[in-house]
Amino acid sequence: MIKESPIVFKNLPPEIKNRLKKLNGSKRKFVKDVYKDELLLYWKAARGVGLVIYGELKFQKGFDGDQFFPVSNNMLEEKYGISRQSKYRAIKKLSKAGLIEYRIDAGKNYQCRLLTK
């Protein structure tokens, strides 16, 4: 039997720890093919917001394959307390680091796609 083991990050700011605690209480317990090295790349590029965007995109990619997915302002605000400005900054940092690709459709949310596994 496979035992579930949580990912532990050291020296995280308190606000990120609180967001991760919210995630642990959700019904979504598993994201397919999450790799520690990828997590560190996203953390280095855009800190906690980068990790959240990575997690959401990876979750959607597990269901629908490799394509562009919307990153909703409302979802990030309600679930994680992340403002739209922080989202936009993080997406641009992740894109500059070569971790995601994004496109902008007028009047809609950014559409993002992971460039990692």
N, C-alpha and C. Protein backbone atom coordinates (compact mmCIF):
# COMPACT_ATOMS: atom_id res chain seq x y z
N MET A 1 0.84 -1.18 0.00
CA MET A 1 0.00 0.00 0.00
C MET A 1 0.88 1.25 0.00
N ILE A 2 0.52 2.21 -0.81
CA ILE A 2 1.28 3.45 -0.90
C ILE A 2 0.82 4.40 0.20
N LYS A 3 1.75 4.92 0.94
CA LYS A 3 1.43 5.83 2.03
C LYS A 3 1.56 7.26 1.55
N GLU A 4 0.58 8.10 1.88
CA GLU A 4 0.61 9.50 1.49
C GLU A 4 1.59 10.25 2.38
N SER A 5 2.50 10.97 1.77
CA SER A 5 3.45 11.76 2.55
C SER A 5 3.38 13.21 2.07
N PRO A 6 3.16 14.14 2.98
CA PRO A 6 3.04 15.55 2.59
C PRO A 6 4.39 16.14 2.20
N ILE A 7 4.35 17.14 1.33
CA ILE A 7 5.55 17.89 0.96
C ILE A 7 5.77 18.94 2.03
N VAL A 8 6.97 19.01 2.57
CA VAL A 8 7.28 19.95 3.64
C VAL A 8 8.27 21.00 3.11
N PHE A 9 7.90 22.27 3.24
CA PHE A 9 8.78 23.36 2.87
C PHE A 9 9.25 24.04 4.14
N LYS A 10 10.54 24.34 4.20
CA LYS A 10 11.09 25.04 5.36
C LYS A 10 11.20 26.52 5.06
N ASN A 11 11.07 27.33 6.09
CA ASN A 11 11.26 28.78 6.01
C ASN A 11 10.26 29.47 5.09
N LEU A 12 9.04 28.98 5.04
CA LEU A 12 8.01 29.66 4.26
C LEU A 12 7.43 30.81 5.07
N PRO A 13 7.07 31.90 4.41
CA PRO A 13 6.41 32.99 5.13
C PRO A 13 5.07 32.52 5.69
N PRO A 14 4.60 33.12 6.80
CA PRO A 14 3.35 32.69 7.43
C PRO A 14 2.14 32.72 6.50
N GLU A 15 2.07 33.72 5.60
CA GLU A 15 0.90 33.79 4.72
C GLU A 15 0.85 32.62 3.75
N ILE A 16 2.00 32.12 3.31
CA ILE A 16 2.04 30.96 2.42
C ILE A 16 1.67 29.70 3.20
N LYS A 17 2.15 29.59 4.44
CA LYS A 17 1.78 28.44 5.27
C LYS A 17 0.26 28.38 5.46
N ASN A 18 -0.37 29.53 5.68
CA ASN A 18 -1.82 29.57 5.85
C ASN A 18 -2.54 29.13 4.58
N ARG A 19 -2.03 29.56 3.42
CA ARG A 19 -2.63 29.15 2.15
C ARG A 19 -2.50 27.65 1.93
N LEU A 20 -1.35 27.09 2.30
CA LEU A 20 -1.15 25.65 2.16
C LEU A 20 -2.07 24.88 3.11
N LYS A 21 -2.31 25.42 4.30
CA LYS A 21 -3.23 24.77 5.23
C LYS A 21 -4.64 24.72 4.65
N LYS A 22 -5.04 25.80 3.94
CA LYS A 22 -6.34 25.81 3.28
C LYS A 22 -6.41 24.70 2.23
N LEU A 23 -5.33 24.52 1.50
CA LEU A 23 -5.28 23.46 0.49
C LEU A 23 -5.42 22.09 1.13
N ASN A 24 -4.76 21.88 2.27
CA ASN A 24 -4.82 20.58 2.92
C ASN A 24 -6.22 20.24 3.39
N GLY A 25 -7.06 21.23 3.63
CA GLY A 25 -8.44 20.98 4.04
C GLY A 25 -9.38 20.76 2.87
N SER A 26 -8.90 20.95 1.64
CA SER A 26 -9.79 20.80 0.49
C SER A 26 -9.96 19.32 0.14
N LYS A 27 -10.92 19.04 -0.72
CA LYS A 27 -11.18 17.66 -1.13
C LYS A 27 -10.21 17.22 -2.21
N ARG A 28 -9.50 18.16 -2.82
CA ARG A 28 -8.53 17.82 -3.86
C ARG A 28 -7.23 17.44 -3.18
N LYS A 29 -6.94 16.16 -3.14
CA LYS A 29 -5.77 15.69 -2.40
C LYS A 29 -4.60 15.31 -3.29
N PHE A 30 -4.83 15.10 -4.57
CA PHE A 30 -3.77 14.55 -5.39
C PHE A 30 -3.63 15.33 -6.69
N VAL A 31 -2.44 15.66 -7.05
CA VAL A 31 -2.14 16.26 -8.33
C VAL A 31 -1.14 15.33 -9.00
N LYS A 32 -1.45 14.89 -10.19
CA LYS A 32 -0.64 13.91 -10.90
C LYS A 32 0.72 14.50 -11.31
N ASP A 33 1.77 13.71 -11.12
CA ASP A 33 3.11 14.02 -11.60
C ASP A 33 3.67 15.35 -11.10
N VAL A 34 3.59 15.60 -9.82
CA VAL A 34 4.21 16.80 -9.25
C VAL A 34 5.62 16.41 -8.82
N TYR A 35 6.59 17.17 -9.29
CA TYR A 35 7.98 16.86 -9.00
C TYR A 35 8.60 17.95 -8.14
N LYS A 36 9.40 17.53 -7.18
CA LYS A 36 10.03 18.46 -6.24
C LYS A 36 10.87 19.51 -6.98
N ASP A 37 11.62 19.07 -8.00
CA ASP A 37 12.47 20.01 -8.74
C ASP A 37 11.64 21.09 -9.43
N GLU A 38 10.48 20.68 -9.97
CA GLU A 38 9.59 21.67 -10.61
C GLU A 38 9.07 22.66 -9.59
N LEU A 39 8.67 22.16 -8.43
CA LEU A 39 8.17 23.05 -7.38
C LEU A 39 9.22 24.11 -7.03
N LEU A 40 10.46 23.69 -6.92
CA LEU A 40 11.52 24.63 -6.56
C LEU A 40 11.74 25.68 -7.65
N LEU A 41 11.62 25.28 -8.92
CA LEU A 41 11.76 26.24 -10.01
C LEU A 41 10.68 27.31 -9.95
N TYR A 42 9.45 26.88 -9.71
CA TYR A 42 8.34 27.84 -9.65
C TYR A 42 8.46 28.72 -8.41
N TRP A 43 8.94 28.14 -7.30
CA TRP A 43 9.14 28.93 -6.08
C TRP A 43 10.21 30.00 -6.30
N LYS A 44 11.31 29.63 -6.94
CA LYS A 44 12.39 30.59 -7.17
C LYS A 44 11.95 31.71 -8.12
N ALA A 45 11.13 31.38 -9.10
CA ALA A 45 10.72 32.37 -10.10
C ALA A 45 9.69 33.35 -9.55
N ALA A 46 8.67 32.85 -8.82
CA ALA A 46 7.58 33.74 -8.41
C ALA A 46 7.05 33.46 -7.01
N ARG A 47 7.85 32.82 -6.19
CA ARG A 47 7.49 32.56 -4.79
C ARG A 47 6.15 31.82 -4.65
N GLY A 48 5.39 32.15 -3.62
CA GLY A 48 4.15 31.42 -3.31
C GLY A 48 3.10 31.50 -4.39
N VAL A 49 2.96 32.65 -5.02
CA VAL A 49 1.97 32.79 -6.08
C VAL A 49 2.33 31.88 -7.25
N GLY A 50 3.61 31.75 -7.53
CA GLY A 50 4.06 30.85 -8.58
C GLY A 50 3.70 29.40 -8.27
N LEU A 51 3.85 29.01 -7.00
CA LEU A 51 3.47 27.65 -6.60
C LEU A 51 1.98 27.41 -6.77
N VAL A 52 1.18 28.39 -6.40
CA VAL A 52 -0.27 28.25 -6.53
C VAL A 52 -0.66 28.12 -8.00
N ILE A 53 -0.10 28.96 -8.85
CA ILE A 53 -0.41 28.90 -10.28
C ILE A 53 0.04 27.55 -10.84
N TYR A 54 1.23 27.10 -10.45
CA TYR A 54 1.72 25.80 -10.88
C TYR A 54 0.75 24.69 -10.47
N GLY A 55 0.33 24.70 -9.22
CA GLY A 55 -0.58 23.67 -8.73
C GLY A 55 -1.90 23.64 -9.47
N GLU A 56 -2.47 24.80 -9.72
CA GLU A 56 -3.75 24.86 -10.43
C GLU A 56 -3.60 24.40 -11.88
N LEU A 57 -2.54 24.85 -12.55
CA LEU A 57 -2.33 24.44 -13.94
C LEU A 57 -2.01 22.95 -14.03
N LYS A 58 -1.23 22.44 -13.10
CA LYS A 58 -0.87 21.02 -13.10
C LYS A 58 -2.11 20.16 -12.86
N PHE A 59 -2.99 20.63 -11.99
CA PHE A 59 -4.23 19.90 -11.70
C PHE A 59 -5.09 19.83 -12.96
N GLN A 60 -5.26 20.95 -13.65
CA GLN A 60 -6.06 20.97 -14.87
C GLN A 60 -5.40 20.16 -15.98
N LYS A 61 -4.08 20.21 -16.07
CA LYS A 61 -3.35 19.46 -17.08
C LYS A 61 -3.54 17.95 -16.88
N GLY A 62 -3.65 17.51 -15.65
CA GLY A 62 -3.87 16.10 -15.35
C GLY A 62 -5.19 15.59 -15.91
N PHE A 63 -6.18 16.46 -16.00
CA PHE A 63 -7.48 16.06 -16.54
C PHE A 63 -7.58 16.23 -18.04
N ASP A 64 -7.10 17.34 -18.56
CA ASP A 64 -7.36 17.71 -19.95
C ASP A 64 -6.15 17.71 -20.86
N GLY A 65 -4.99 17.33 -20.38
CA GLY A 65 -3.81 17.29 -21.22
C GLY A 65 -3.11 18.64 -21.33
N ASP A 66 -2.14 18.69 -22.21
CA ASP A 66 -1.29 19.87 -22.35
C ASP A 66 -1.96 20.91 -23.26
N GLN A 67 -2.59 21.89 -22.65
CA GLN A 67 -3.23 22.96 -23.40
C GLN A 67 -3.26 24.22 -22.55
N PHE A 68 -3.80 25.30 -23.10
CA PHE A 68 -3.93 26.55 -22.35
C PHE A 68 -5.16 26.48 -21.44
N PHE A 69 -5.00 26.97 -20.20
CA PHE A 69 -6.09 27.00 -19.23
C PHE A 69 -6.22 28.42 -18.67
N PRO A 70 -7.45 28.86 -18.40
CA PRO A 70 -7.62 30.18 -17.80
C PRO A 70 -7.18 30.17 -16.34
N VAL A 71 -6.54 31.25 -15.93
CA VAL A 71 -6.18 31.44 -14.52
C VAL A 71 -7.08 32.55 -14.00
N SER A 72 -8.11 32.18 -13.28
CA SER A 72 -9.17 33.10 -12.88
C SER A 72 -8.78 33.97 -11.69
N ASN A 73 -9.07 35.27 -11.82
CA ASN A 73 -8.84 36.20 -10.70
C ASN A 73 -9.70 35.81 -9.51
N ASN A 74 -10.98 35.48 -9.75
CA ASN A 74 -11.90 35.14 -8.67
C ASN A 74 -11.44 33.91 -7.91
N MET A 75 -11.02 32.88 -8.63
CA MET A 75 -10.58 31.65 -7.98
C MET A 75 -9.37 31.91 -7.10
N LEU A 76 -8.38 32.66 -7.61
CA LEU A 76 -7.19 32.94 -6.81
C LEU A 76 -7.51 33.80 -5.60
N GLU A 77 -8.42 34.75 -5.77
CA GLU A 77 -8.80 35.63 -4.65
C GLU A 77 -9.56 34.85 -3.58
N GLU A 78 -10.54 34.05 -3.99
CA GLU A 78 -11.39 33.34 -3.02
C GLU A 78 -10.64 32.21 -2.32
N LYS A 79 -9.90 31.40 -3.07
CA LYS A 79 -9.24 30.24 -2.48
C LYS A 79 -7.96 30.59 -1.72
N TYR A 80 -7.17 31.51 -2.29
CA TYR A 80 -5.83 31.73 -1.76
C TYR A 80 -5.57 33.15 -1.28
N GLY A 81 -6.50 34.08 -1.53
CA GLY A 81 -6.29 35.46 -1.13
C GLY A 81 -5.25 36.18 -1.97
N ILE A 82 -5.09 35.78 -3.22
CA ILE A 82 -4.10 36.37 -4.12
C ILE A 82 -4.78 37.41 -5.00
N SER A 83 -4.24 38.61 -5.02
CA SER A 83 -4.83 39.69 -5.82
C SER A 83 -4.50 39.49 -7.30
N ARG A 84 -5.27 40.16 -8.16
CA ARG A 84 -5.03 40.03 -9.59
C ARG A 84 -3.68 40.62 -9.98
N GLN A 85 -3.26 41.68 -9.29
CA GLN A 85 -1.97 42.28 -9.58
C GLN A 85 -0.83 41.30 -9.29
N SER A 86 -0.93 40.59 -8.17
CA SER A 86 0.09 39.59 -7.83
C SER A 86 0.09 38.46 -8.86
N LYS A 87 -1.11 38.09 -9.31
CA LYS A 87 -1.22 37.05 -10.34
C LYS A 87 -0.49 37.47 -11.61
N TYR A 88 -0.74 38.69 -12.06
CA TYR A 88 -0.12 39.16 -13.30
C TYR A 88 1.40 39.24 -13.18
N ARG A 89 1.88 39.73 -12.04
CA ARG A 89 3.32 39.80 -11.82
C ARG A 89 3.94 38.40 -11.85
N ALA A 90 3.29 37.46 -11.18
CA ALA A 90 3.81 36.09 -11.11
C ALA A 90 3.80 35.43 -12.49
N ILE A 91 2.74 35.64 -13.26
CA ILE A 91 2.67 35.04 -14.60
C ILE A 91 3.80 35.59 -15.47
N LYS A 92 4.06 36.87 -15.39
CA LYS A 92 5.14 37.45 -16.19
C LYS A 92 6.50 36.93 -15.74
N LYS A 93 6.70 36.77 -14.44
CA LYS A 93 7.97 36.22 -13.94
C LYS A 93 8.15 34.77 -14.38
N LEU A 94 7.08 33.99 -14.29
CA LEU A 94 7.14 32.58 -14.70
C LEU A 94 7.41 32.46 -16.20
N SER A 95 6.80 33.34 -16.97
CA SER A 95 7.02 33.33 -18.42
C SER A 95 8.47 33.71 -18.75
N LYS A 96 8.98 34.72 -18.06
CA LYS A 96 10.35 35.16 -18.28
C LYS A 96 11.35 34.05 -17.92
N ALA A 97 11.01 33.25 -16.91
CA ALA A 97 11.86 32.13 -16.50
C ALA A 97 11.71 30.92 -17.42
N GLY A 98 10.78 30.97 -18.36
CA GLY A 98 10.58 29.88 -19.30
C GLY A 98 9.79 28.70 -18.74
N LEU A 99 9.00 28.95 -17.69
CA LEU A 99 8.25 27.87 -17.06
C LEU A 99 6.82 27.76 -17.57
N ILE A 100 6.24 28.87 -18.00
CA ILE A 100 4.90 28.85 -18.56
C ILE A 100 4.86 29.70 -19.83
N GLU A 101 3.82 29.48 -20.59
CA GLU A 101 3.54 30.29 -21.76
C GLU A 101 2.14 30.85 -21.53
N TYR A 102 1.92 32.11 -21.88
CA TYR A 102 0.59 32.67 -21.68
C TYR A 102 0.16 33.46 -22.90
N ARG A 103 -1.17 33.61 -22.99
CA ARG A 103 -1.73 34.44 -24.05
C ARG A 103 -2.85 35.27 -23.42
N ILE A 104 -3.10 36.39 -24.04
CA ILE A 104 -4.10 37.32 -23.53
C ILE A 104 -5.18 37.50 -24.58
N ASP A 105 -6.41 37.18 -24.22
CA ASP A 105 -7.56 37.46 -25.07
C ASP A 105 -8.27 38.66 -24.47
N ALA A 106 -8.62 39.63 -25.29
CA ALA A 106 -9.22 40.88 -24.81
C ALA A 106 -10.45 40.60 -23.95
N GLY A 107 -10.46 41.17 -22.75
CA GLY A 107 -11.60 41.06 -21.85
C GLY A 107 -11.73 39.73 -21.13
N LYS A 108 -10.73 38.87 -21.22
CA LYS A 108 -10.79 37.56 -20.57
C LYS A 108 -9.56 37.37 -19.68
N ASN A 109 -9.60 36.31 -18.87
CA ASN A 109 -8.46 35.96 -18.02
C ASN A 109 -7.29 35.51 -18.88
N TYR A 110 -6.08 35.61 -18.30
CA TYR A 110 -4.91 35.08 -18.97
C TYR A 110 -5.11 33.58 -19.18
N GLN A 111 -4.67 33.08 -20.32
CA GLN A 111 -4.66 31.65 -20.61
C GLN A 111 -3.21 31.20 -20.47
N CYS A 112 -2.95 30.21 -19.63
CA CYS A 112 -1.57 29.78 -19.38
C CYS A 112 -1.40 28.29 -19.66
N ARG A 113 -0.17 27.93 -20.00
CA ARG A 113 0.19 26.54 -20.27
C ARG A 113 1.55 26.27 -19.67
N LEU A 114 1.68 25.13 -18.97
CA LEU A 114 2.96 24.75 -18.38
C LEU A 114 3.93 24.31 -19.46
N LEU A 115 5.18 24.71 -19.34
CA LEU A 115 6.22 24.27 -20.27
C LEU A 115 7.11 23.20 -19.67
N THR A 116 6.85 22.82 -18.42
CA THR A 116 7.59 21.74 -17.76
C THR A 116 6.80 20.45 -17.90
N LYS A 117 7.38 19.35 -17.46
CA LYS A 117 6.74 18.04 -17.59
C LYS A 117 5.29 18.15 -17.24
